[in-house]
Amino acid sequence: MSEFRIDTDRGPDAAADLADAELEYLCGLTLWELAVRTDEPDFADYLHRVLDMRRERAAELESVRDHRDRMLFAAEVMRDLAALPTTGS
């Protein structure tokens, strides 16, 4: 098991690191929950769509610096992931 460590010596940047870690954890947990719940015949395609969405949203997150805003953004990403249809469009 890998260890995650936040460099608290960096001051305000440590809060941004924590928000990033929380978003990564929440998205990973959501992917796991969706994998367990879905009955998608082609789950690989569905997983690629979820990962593409996550990658796009992570790029947006780069411009959000305030810790509270990052947590609100993480919640928005979670809602979007949960709303992603499990069947191909």
PDB file of N, CA and C in Angstrom:
ATOM      1  N   MET A   1       0.838  -1.172   0.000  1.00  0.00           N
ATOM      2  CA  MET A   1       0.000   0.000   0.000  1.00  0.00           C
ATOM      3  C   MET A   1       0.885   1.238   0.000  1.00  0.00           C
ATOM      4  N   SER A   2       0.630   2.165  -0.927  1.00  0.00           N
ATOM      5  CA  SER A   2       1.451   3.363  -1.002  1.00  0.00           C
ATOM      6  C   SER A   2       1.018   4.368   0.055  1.00  0.00           C
ATOM      7  N   GLU A   3       1.960   5.173   0.465  1.00  0.00           N
ATOM      8  CA  GLU A   3       1.694   6.166   1.495  1.00  0.00           C
ATOM      9  C   GLU A   3       1.525   7.531   0.839  1.00  0.00           C
ATOM     10  N   PHE A   4       0.483   8.250   1.249  1.00  0.00           N
ATOM     11  CA  PHE A   4       0.275   9.605   0.742  1.00  0.00           C
ATOM     12  C   PHE A   4       0.700  10.572   1.813  1.00  0.00           C
ATOM     13  N   ARG A   5       1.563  11.507   1.459  1.00  0.00           N
ATOM     14  CA  ARG A   5       2.062  12.469   2.425  1.00  0.00           C
ATOM     15  C   ARG A   5       1.894  13.867   1.873  1.00  0.00           C
ATOM     16  N   ILE A   6       1.359  14.765   2.697  1.00  0.00           N
ATOM     17  CA  ILE A   6       1.204  16.164   2.308  1.00  0.00           C
ATOM     18  C   ILE A   6       2.345  16.955   2.929  1.00  0.00           C
ATOM     19  N   ASP A   7       3.025  17.746   2.124  1.00  0.00           N
ATOM     20  CA  ASP A   7       4.134  18.561   2.595  1.00  0.00           C
ATOM     21  C   ASP A   7       3.580  19.805   3.281  1.00  0.00           C
ATOM     22  N   THR A   8       3.424  19.741   4.602  1.00  0.00           N
ATOM     23  CA  THR A   8       2.831  20.856   5.345  1.00  0.00           C
ATOM     24  C   THR A   8       3.786  22.038   5.482  1.00  0.00           C
ATOM     25  N   ASP A   9       5.040  21.856   5.151  1.00  0.00           N
ATOM     26  CA  ASP A   9       5.992  22.964   5.210  1.00  0.00           C
ATOM     27  C   ASP A   9       5.742  23.990   4.116  1.00  0.00           C
ATOM     28  N   ARG A  10       4.914  23.651   3.168  1.00  0.00           N
ATOM     29  CA  ARG A  10       4.657  24.554   2.048  1.00  0.00           C
ATOM     30  C   ARG A  10       3.600  25.603   2.369  1.00  0.00           C
ATOM     31  N   GLY A  11       3.026  25.574   3.561  1.00  0.00           N
ATOM     32  CA  GLY A  11       2.048  26.577   3.973  1.00  0.00           C
ATOM     33  C   GLY A  11       0.745  26.463   3.211  1.00  0.00           C
ATOM     34  N   PRO A  12       0.281  27.588   2.617  1.00  0.00           N
ATOM     35  CA  PRO A  12      -1.037  27.586   1.960  1.00  0.00           C
ATOM     36  C   PRO A  12      -1.164  26.549   0.843  1.00  0.00           C
ATOM     37  N   ASP A  13      -0.051  26.190   0.217  1.00  0.00           N
ATOM     38  CA  ASP A  13      -0.121  25.187  -0.848  1.00  0.00           C
ATOM     39  C   ASP A  13      -0.526  23.819  -0.311  1.00  0.00           C
ATOM     40  N   ALA A  14      -0.285  23.587   0.982  1.00  0.00           N
ATOM     41  CA  ALA A  14      -0.663  22.297   1.570  1.00  0.00           C
ATOM     42  C   ALA A  14      -2.173  22.119   1.528  1.00  0.00           C
ATOM     43  N   ALA A  15      -2.935  23.208   1.693  1.00  0.00           N
ATOM     44  CA  ALA A  15      -4.405  23.119   1.620  1.00  0.00           C
ATOM     45  C   ALA A  15      -4.833  22.700   0.216  1.00  0.00           C
ATOM     46  N   ALA A  16      -4.165  23.229  -0.801  1.00  0.00           N
ATOM     47  CA  ALA A  16      -4.478  22.854  -2.183  1.00  0.00           C
ATOM     48  C   ALA A  16      -4.139  21.385  -2.408  1.00  0.00           C
ATOM     49  N   ASP A  17      -3.030  20.914  -1.844  1.00  0.00           N
ATOM     50  CA  ASP A  17      -2.664  19.494  -1.954  1.00  0.00           C
ATOM     51  C   ASP A  17      -3.726  18.614  -1.304  1.00  0.00           C
ATOM     52  N   LEU A  18      -4.220  19.046  -0.156  1.00  0.00           N
ATOM     53  CA  LEU A  18      -5.234  18.275   0.541  1.00  0.00           C
ATOM     54  C   LEU A  18      -6.514  18.206  -0.288  1.00  0.00           C
ATOM     55  N   ALA A  19      -6.912  19.325  -0.871  1.00  0.00           N
ATOM     56  CA  ALA A  19      -8.112  19.334  -1.712  1.00  0.00           C
ATOM     57  C   ALA A  19      -7.927  18.398  -2.908  1.00  0.00           C
ATOM     58  N   ASP A  20      -6.747  18.426  -3.512  1.00  0.00           N
ATOM     59  CA  ASP A  20      -6.466  17.523  -4.634  1.00  0.00           C
ATOM     60  C   ASP A  20      -6.578  16.065  -4.195  1.00  0.00           C
ATOM     61  N   ALA A  21      -6.011  15.762  -3.040  1.00  0.00           N
ATOM     62  CA  ALA A  21      -6.047  14.387  -2.531  1.00  0.00           C
ATOM     63  C   ALA A  21      -7.481  13.959  -2.240  1.00  0.00           C
ATOM     64  N   GLU A  22      -8.263  14.874  -1.669  1.00  0.00           N
ATOM     65  CA  GLU A  22      -9.649  14.545  -1.363  1.00  0.00           C
ATOM     66  C   GLU A  22     -10.442  14.312  -2.639  1.00  0.00           C
ATOM     67  N   LEU A  23     -10.216  15.142  -3.644  1.00  0.00           N
ATOM     68  CA  LEU A  23     -10.921  14.973  -4.912  1.00  0.00           C
ATOM     69  C   LEU A  23     -10.536  13.645  -5.556  1.00  0.00           C
ATOM     70  N   GLU A  24      -9.254  13.328  -5.539  1.00  0.00           N
ATOM     71  CA  GLU A  24      -8.774  12.067  -6.115  1.00  0.00           C
ATOM     72  C   GLU A  24      -9.407  10.872  -5.396  1.00  0.00           C
ATOM     73  N   TYR A  25      -9.454  10.955  -4.068  1.00  0.00           N
ATOM     74  CA  TYR A  25     -10.055   9.872  -3.289  1.00  0.00           C
ATOM     75  C   TYR A  25     -11.542   9.740  -3.589  1.00  0.00           C
ATOM     76  N   LEU A  26     -12.264  10.867  -3.573  1.00  0.00           N
ATOM     77  CA  LEU A  26     -13.704  10.831  -3.824  1.00  0.00           C
ATOM     78  C   LEU A  26     -14.016  10.296  -5.213  1.00  0.00           C
ATOM     79  N   CYS A  27     -13.260  10.726  -6.217  1.00  0.00           N
ATOM     80  CA  CYS A  27     -13.489  10.237  -7.581  1.00  0.00           C
ATOM     81  C   CYS A  27     -13.185   8.750  -7.674  1.00  0.00           C
ATOM     82  N   GLY A  28     -12.114   8.321  -7.034  1.00  0.00           N
ATOM     83  CA  GLY A  28     -11.771   6.904  -7.047  1.00  0.00           C
ATOM     84  C   GLY A  28     -12.839   6.073  -6.363  1.00  0.00           C
ATOM     85  N   LEU A  29     -13.351   6.566  -5.245  1.00  0.00           N
ATOM     86  CA  LEU A  29     -14.401   5.868  -4.531  1.00  0.00           C
ATOM     87  C   LEU A  29     -15.662   5.801  -5.383  1.00  0.00           C
ATOM     88  N   THR A  30     -15.978   6.892  -6.056  1.00  0.00           N
ATOM     89  CA  THR A  30     -17.161   6.909  -6.923  1.00  0.00           C
ATOM     90  C   THR A  30     -17.003   5.901  -8.051  1.00  0.00           C
ATOM     91  N   LEU A  31     -15.822   5.827  -8.654  1.00  0.00           N
ATOM     92  CA  LEU A  31     -15.591   4.851  -9.713  1.00  0.00           C
ATOM     93  C   LEU A  31     -15.812   3.433  -9.192  1.00  0.00           C
ATOM     94  N   TRP A  32     -15.330   3.161  -7.993  1.00  0.00           N
ATOM     95  CA  TRP A  32     -15.509   1.836  -7.416  1.00  0.00           C
ATOM     96  C   TRP A  32     -16.994   1.551  -7.198  1.00  0.00           C
ATOM     97  N   GLU A  33     -17.723   2.528  -6.620  1.00  0.00           N
ATOM     98  CA  GLU A  33     -19.147   2.338  -6.367  1.00  0.00           C
ATOM     99  C   GLU A  33     -19.906   2.115  -7.673  1.00  0.00           C
ATOM    100  N   LEU A  34     -19.564   2.889  -8.697  1.00  0.00           N
ATOM    101  CA  LEU A  34     -20.239   2.735  -9.980  1.00  0.00           C
ATOM    102  C   LEU A  34     -19.924   1.378 -10.599  1.00  0.00           C
ATOM    103  N   ALA A  35     -18.694   0.925 -10.441  1.00  0.00           N
ATOM    104  CA  ALA A  35     -18.305  -0.375 -10.988  1.00  0.00           C
ATOM    105  C   ALA A  35     -19.098  -1.491 -10.325  1.00  0.00           C
ATOM    106  N   VAL A  36     -19.347  -1.358  -9.045  1.00  0.00           N
ATOM    107  CA  VAL A  36     -20.093  -2.376  -8.316  1.00  0.00           C
ATOM    108  C   VAL A  36     -21.567  -2.355  -8.705  1.00  0.00           C
ATOM    109  N   ARG A  37     -22.113  -1.162  -8.925  1.00  0.00           N
ATOM    110  CA  ARG A  37     -23.552  -1.029  -9.161  1.00  0.00           C
ATOM    111  C   ARG A  37     -23.980  -1.231 -10.609  1.00  0.00           C
ATOM    112  N   THR A  38     -23.104  -0.966 -11.543  1.00  0.00           N
ATOM    113  CA  THR A  38     -23.527  -0.979 -12.945  1.00  0.00           C
ATOM    114  C   THR A  38     -23.693  -2.401 -13.480  1.00  0.00           C
ATOM    115  N   ASP A  39     -24.635  -2.545 -14.389  1.00  0.00           N
ATOM    116  CA  ASP A  39     -24.779  -3.826 -15.082  1.00  0.00           C
ATOM    117  C   ASP A  39     -24.491  -3.615 -16.571  1.00  0.00           C
ATOM    118  N   GLU A  40     -23.685  -2.605 -16.841  1.00  0.00           N
ATOM    119  CA  GLU A  40     -23.278  -2.254 -18.206  1.00  0.00           C
ATOM    120  C   GLU A  40     -22.619  -3.462 -18.863  1.00  0.00           C
ATOM    121  N   PRO A  41     -23.150  -3.917 -20.011  1.00  0.00           N
ATOM    122  CA  PRO A  41     -22.534  -5.065 -20.688  1.00  0.00           C
ATOM    123  C   PRO A  41     -21.092  -4.782 -21.106  1.00  0.00           C
ATOM    124  N   ASP A  42     -20.821  -3.554 -21.529  1.00  0.00           N
ATOM    125  CA  ASP A  42     -19.459  -3.192 -21.931  1.00  0.00           C
ATOM    126  C   ASP A  42     -18.917  -2.190 -20.912  1.00  0.00           C
ATOM    127  N   PHE A  43     -18.558  -2.718 -19.733  1.00  0.00           N
ATOM    128  CA  PHE A  43     -18.132  -1.829 -18.659  1.00  0.00           C
ATOM    129  C   PHE A  43     -16.865  -1.067 -19.016  1.00  0.00           C
ATOM    130  N   ALA A  44     -15.994  -1.637 -19.836  1.00  0.00           N
ATOM    131  CA  ALA A  44     -14.754  -0.949 -20.208  1.00  0.00           C
ATOM    132  C   ALA A  44     -15.064   0.378 -20.900  1.00  0.00           C
ATOM    133  N   ASP A  45     -16.048   0.386 -21.805  1.00  0.00           N
ATOM    134  CA  ASP A  45     -16.439   1.623 -22.482  1.00  0.00           C
ATOM    135  C   ASP A  45     -16.970   2.631 -21.479  1.00  0.00           C
ATOM    136  N   TYR A  46     -17.802   2.165 -20.565  1.00  0.00           N
ATOM    137  CA  TYR A  46     -18.358   3.040 -19.535  1.00  0.00           C
ATOM    138  C   TYR A  46     -17.253   3.623 -18.667  1.00  0.00           C
ATOM    139  N   LEU A  47     -16.309   2.792 -18.263  1.00  0.00           N
ATOM    140  CA  LEU A  47     -15.206   3.249 -17.427  1.00  0.00           C
ATOM    141  C   LEU A  47     -14.373   4.290 -18.161  1.00  0.00           C
ATOM    142  N   HIS A  48     -14.151   4.104 -19.453  1.00  0.00           N
ATOM    143  CA  HIS A  48     -13.402   5.093 -20.237  1.00  0.00           C
ATOM    144  C   HIS A  48     -14.136   6.426 -20.256  1.00  0.00           C
ATOM    145  N   ARG A  49     -15.466   6.392 -20.383  1.00  0.00           N
ATOM    146  CA  ARG A  49     -16.235   7.640 -20.373  1.00  0.00           C
ATOM    147  C   ARG A  49     -16.111   8.344 -19.032  1.00  0.00           C
ATOM    148  N   VAL A  50     -16.166   7.575 -17.942  1.00  0.00           N
ATOM    149  CA  VAL A  50     -16.028   8.162 -16.607  1.00  0.00           C
ATOM    150  C   VAL A  50     -14.631   8.759 -16.441  1.00  0.00           C
ATOM    151  N   LEU A  51     -13.610   8.030 -16.866  1.00  0.00           N
ATOM    152  CA  LEU A  51     -12.238   8.527 -16.727  1.00  0.00           C
ATOM    153  C   LEU A  51     -11.992   9.752 -17.593  1.00  0.00           C
ATOM    154  N   ASP A  52     -12.577   9.780 -18.792  1.00  0.00           N
ATOM    155  CA  ASP A  52     -12.449  10.969 -19.646  1.00  0.00           C
ATOM    156  C   ASP A  52     -13.065  12.182 -18.969  1.00  0.00           C
ATOM    157  N   MET A  53     -14.249  11.994 -18.382  1.00  0.00           N
ATOM    158  CA  MET A  53     -14.901  13.093 -17.695  1.00  0.00           C
ATOM    159  C   MET A  53     -14.044  13.560 -16.516  1.00  0.00           C
ATOM    160  N   ARG A  54     -13.523  12.606 -15.781  1.00  0.00           N
ATOM    161  CA  ARG A  54     -12.689  12.947 -14.625  1.00  0.00           C
ATOM    162  C   ARG A  54     -11.440  13.724 -15.063  1.00  0.00           C
ATOM    163  N   ARG A  55     -10.830  13.305 -16.145  1.00  0.00           N
ATOM    164  CA  ARG A  55      -9.632  13.972 -16.654  1.00  0.00           C
ATOM    165  C   ARG A  55      -9.954  15.412 -17.073  1.00  0.00           C
ATOM    166  N   GLU A  56     -11.083  15.599 -17.763  1.00  0.00           N
ATOM    167  CA  GLU A  56     -11.487  16.939 -18.175  1.00  0.00           C
ATOM    168  C   GLU A  56     -11.733  17.829 -16.968  1.00  0.00           C
ATOM    169  N   ARG A  57     -12.429  17.289 -15.968  1.00  0.00           N
ATOM    170  CA  ARG A  57     -12.747  18.085 -14.788  1.00  0.00           C
ATOM    171  C   ARG A  57     -11.485  18.382 -13.979  1.00  0.00           C
ATOM    172  N   ALA A  58     -10.528  17.455 -13.960  1.00  0.00           N
ATOM    173  CA  ALA A  58      -9.276  17.691 -13.238  1.00  0.00           C
ATOM    174  C   ALA A  58      -8.519  18.849 -13.878  1.00  0.00           C
ATOM    175  N   ALA A  59      -8.598  18.966 -15.207  1.00  0.00           N
ATOM    176  CA  ALA A  59      -7.950  20.091 -15.889  1.00  0.00           C
ATOM    177  C   ALA A  59      -8.605  21.409 -15.465  1.00  0.00           C
ATOM    178  N   GLU A  60      -9.929  21.405 -15.315  1.00  0.00           N
ATOM    179  CA  GLU A  60     -10.622  22.606 -14.845  1.00  0.00           C
ATOM    180  C   GLU A  60     -10.196  22.969 -13.426  1.00  0.00           C
ATOM    181  N   LEU A  61      -9.982  21.953 -12.603  1.00  0.00           N
ATOM    182  CA  LEU A  61      -9.637  22.169 -11.198  1.00  0.00           C
ATOM    183  C   LEU A  61      -8.328  22.932 -11.048  1.00  0.00           C
ATOM    184  N   GLU A  62      -7.434  22.816 -12.018  1.00  0.00           N
ATOM    185  CA  GLU A  62      -6.146  23.491 -11.940  1.00  0.00           C
ATOM    186  C   GLU A  62      -6.292  25.003 -11.724  1.00  0.00           C
ATOM    187  N   SER A  63      -7.384  25.589 -12.220  1.00  0.00           N
ATOM    188  CA  SER A  63      -7.561  27.037 -12.094  1.00  0.00           C
ATOM    189  C   SER A  63      -8.230  27.435 -10.777  1.00  0.00           C
ATOM    190  N   VAL A  64      -8.672  26.462  -9.987  1.00  0.00           N
ATOM    191  CA  VAL A  64      -9.363  26.762  -8.728  1.00  0.00           C
ATOM    192  C   VAL A  64      -8.355  26.635  -7.588  1.00  0.00           C
ATOM    193  N   ARG A  65      -8.068  27.731  -6.914  1.00  0.00           N
ATOM    194  CA  ARG A  65      -7.032  27.726  -5.886  1.00  0.00           C
ATOM    195  C   ARG A  65      -7.581  27.751  -4.465  1.00  0.00           C
ATOM    196  N   ASP A  66      -8.733  28.372  -4.227  1.00  0.00           N
ATOM    197  CA  ASP A  66      -9.280  28.469  -2.882  1.00  0.00           C
ATOM    198  C   ASP A  66      -9.745  27.089  -2.400  1.00  0.00           C
ATOM    199  N   HIS A  67      -9.370  26.737  -1.161  1.00  0.00           N
ATOM    200  CA  HIS A  67      -9.683  25.405  -0.636  1.00  0.00           C
ATOM    201  C   HIS A  67     -11.189  25.137  -0.643  1.00  0.00           C
ATOM    202  N   ARG A  68     -11.989  26.088  -0.167  1.00  0.00           N
ATOM    203  CA  ARG A  68     -13.444  25.898  -0.121  1.00  0.00           C
ATOM    204  C   ARG A  68     -14.001  25.711  -1.538  1.00  0.00           C
ATOM    205  N   ASP A  69     -13.526  26.512  -2.467  1.00  0.00           N
ATOM    206  CA  ASP A  69     -13.982  26.382  -3.852  1.00  0.00           C
ATOM    207  C   ASP A  69     -13.600  25.021  -4.442  1.00  0.00           C
ATOM    208  N   ARG A  70     -12.425  24.518  -4.054  1.00  0.00           N
ATOM    209  CA  ARG A  70     -11.995  23.211  -4.550  1.00  0.00           C
ATOM    210  C   ARG A  70     -12.914  22.110  -4.022  1.00  0.00           C
ATOM    211  N   MET A  71     -13.348  22.235  -2.767  1.00  0.00           N
ATOM    212  CA  MET A  71     -14.235  21.230  -2.202  1.00  0.00           C
ATOM    213  C   MET A  71     -15.616  21.310  -2.870  1.00  0.00           C
ATOM    214  N   LEU A  72     -16.098  22.522  -3.153  1.00  0.00           N
ATOM    215  CA  LEU A  72     -17.369  22.676  -3.868  1.00  0.00           C
ATOM    216  C   LEU A  72     -17.259  22.080  -5.269  1.00  0.00           C
ATOM    217  N   PHE A  73     -16.106  22.311  -5.899  1.00  0.00           N
ATOM    218  CA  PHE A  73     -15.871  21.753  -7.231  1.00  0.00           C
ATOM    219  C   PHE A  73     -15.867  20.226  -7.167  1.00  0.00           C
ATOM    220  N   ALA A  74     -15.233  19.677  -6.133  1.00  0.00           N
ATOM    221  CA  ALA A  74     -15.198  18.221  -5.973  1.00  0.00           C
ATOM    222  C   ALA A  74     -16.613  17.671  -5.841  1.00  0.00           C
ATOM    223  N   ALA A  75     -17.460  18.359  -5.087  1.00  0.00           N
ATOM    224  CA  ALA A  75     -18.849  17.918  -4.929  1.00  0.00           C
ATOM    225  C   ALA A  75     -19.582  17.964  -6.268  1.00  0.00           C
ATOM    226  N   GLU A  76     -19.301  18.993  -7.055  1.00  0.00           N
ATOM    227  CA  GLU A  76     -19.922  19.113  -8.383  1.00  0.00           C
ATOM    228  C   GLU A  76     -19.477  17.961  -9.290  1.00  0.00           C
ATOM    229  N   VAL A  77     -18.210  17.633  -9.244  1.00  0.00           N
ATOM    230  CA  VAL A  77     -17.698  16.514 -10.043  1.00  0.00           C
ATOM    231  C   VAL A  77     -18.376  15.215  -9.618  1.00  0.00           C
ATOM    232  N   MET A  78     -18.552  15.030  -8.311  1.00  0.00           N
ATOM    233  CA  MET A  78     -19.202  13.824  -7.815  1.00  0.00           C
ATOM    234  C   MET A  78     -20.628  13.720  -8.353  1.00  0.00           C
ATOM    235  N   ARG A  79     -21.359  14.834  -8.344  1.00  0.00           N
ATOM    236  CA  ARG A  79     -22.732  14.820  -8.878  1.00  0.00           C
ATOM    237  C   ARG A  79     -22.713  14.467 -10.361  1.00  0.00           C
ATOM    238  N   ASP A  80     -21.771  15.059 -11.107  1.00  0.00           N
ATOM    239  CA  ASP A  80     -21.686  14.790 -12.540  1.00  0.00           C
ATOM    240  C   ASP A  80     -21.347  13.330 -12.822  1.00  0.00           C
ATOM    241  N   LEU A  81     -20.429  12.773 -12.044  1.00  0.00           N
ATOM    242  CA  LEU A  81     -20.074  11.362 -12.226  1.00  0.00           C
ATOM    243  C   LEU A  81     -21.265  10.457 -11.924  1.00  0.00           C
ATOM    244  N   ALA A  82     -21.994  10.790 -10.870  1.00  0.00           N
ATOM    245  CA  ALA A  82     -23.146   9.968 -10.502  1.00  0.00           C
ATOM    246  C   ALA A  82     -24.243  10.045 -11.562  1.00  0.00           C
ATOM    247  N   ALA A  83     -24.322  11.186 -12.263  1.00  0.00           N
ATOM    248  CA  ALA A  83     -25.369  11.372 -13.271  1.00  0.00           C
ATOM    249  C   ALA A  83     -24.991  10.812 -14.638  1.00  0.00           C
ATOM    250  N   LEU A  84     -23.734  10.425 -14.809  1.00  0.00           N
ATOM    251  CA  LEU A  84     -23.286   9.910 -16.096  1.00  0.00           C
ATOM    252  C   LEU A  84     -24.059   8.639 -16.443  1.00  0.00           C
ATOM    253  N   PRO A  85     -24.704   8.610 -17.611  1.00  0.00           N
ATOM    254  CA  PRO A  85     -25.478   7.413 -17.953  1.00  0.00           C
ATOM    255  C   PRO A  85     -24.584   6.185 -18.098  1.00  0.00           C
ATOM    256  N   THR A  86     -25.113   5.062 -17.695  1.00  0.00           N
ATOM    257  CA  THR A  86     -24.318   3.833 -17.754  1.00  0.00           C
ATOM    258  C   THR A  86     -24.400   3.156 -19.111  1.00  0.00           C
ATOM    259  N   THR A  87     -25.237   3.663 -20.005  1.00  0.00           N
ATOM    260  CA  THR A  87     -25.322   3.074 -21.341  1.00  0.00           C
ATOM    261  C   THR A  87     -24.709   4.025 -22.346  1.00  0.00           C
ATOM    262  N   GLY A  88     -24.153   3.499 -23.419  1.00  0.00           N
ATOM    263  CA  GLY A  88     -23.513   4.323 -24.446  1.00  0.00           C
ATOM    264  C   GLY A  88     -24.484   5.306 -25.060  1.00  0.00           C
ATOM    265  N   SER A  89     -23.942   6.484 -25.417  1.00  0.00           N
ATOM    266  CA  SER A  89     -24.806   7.483 -26.047  1.00  0.00           C
ATOM    267  C   SER A  89     -24.507   7.618 -27.514  1.00  0.00           C
TER     268      SER A  89
END
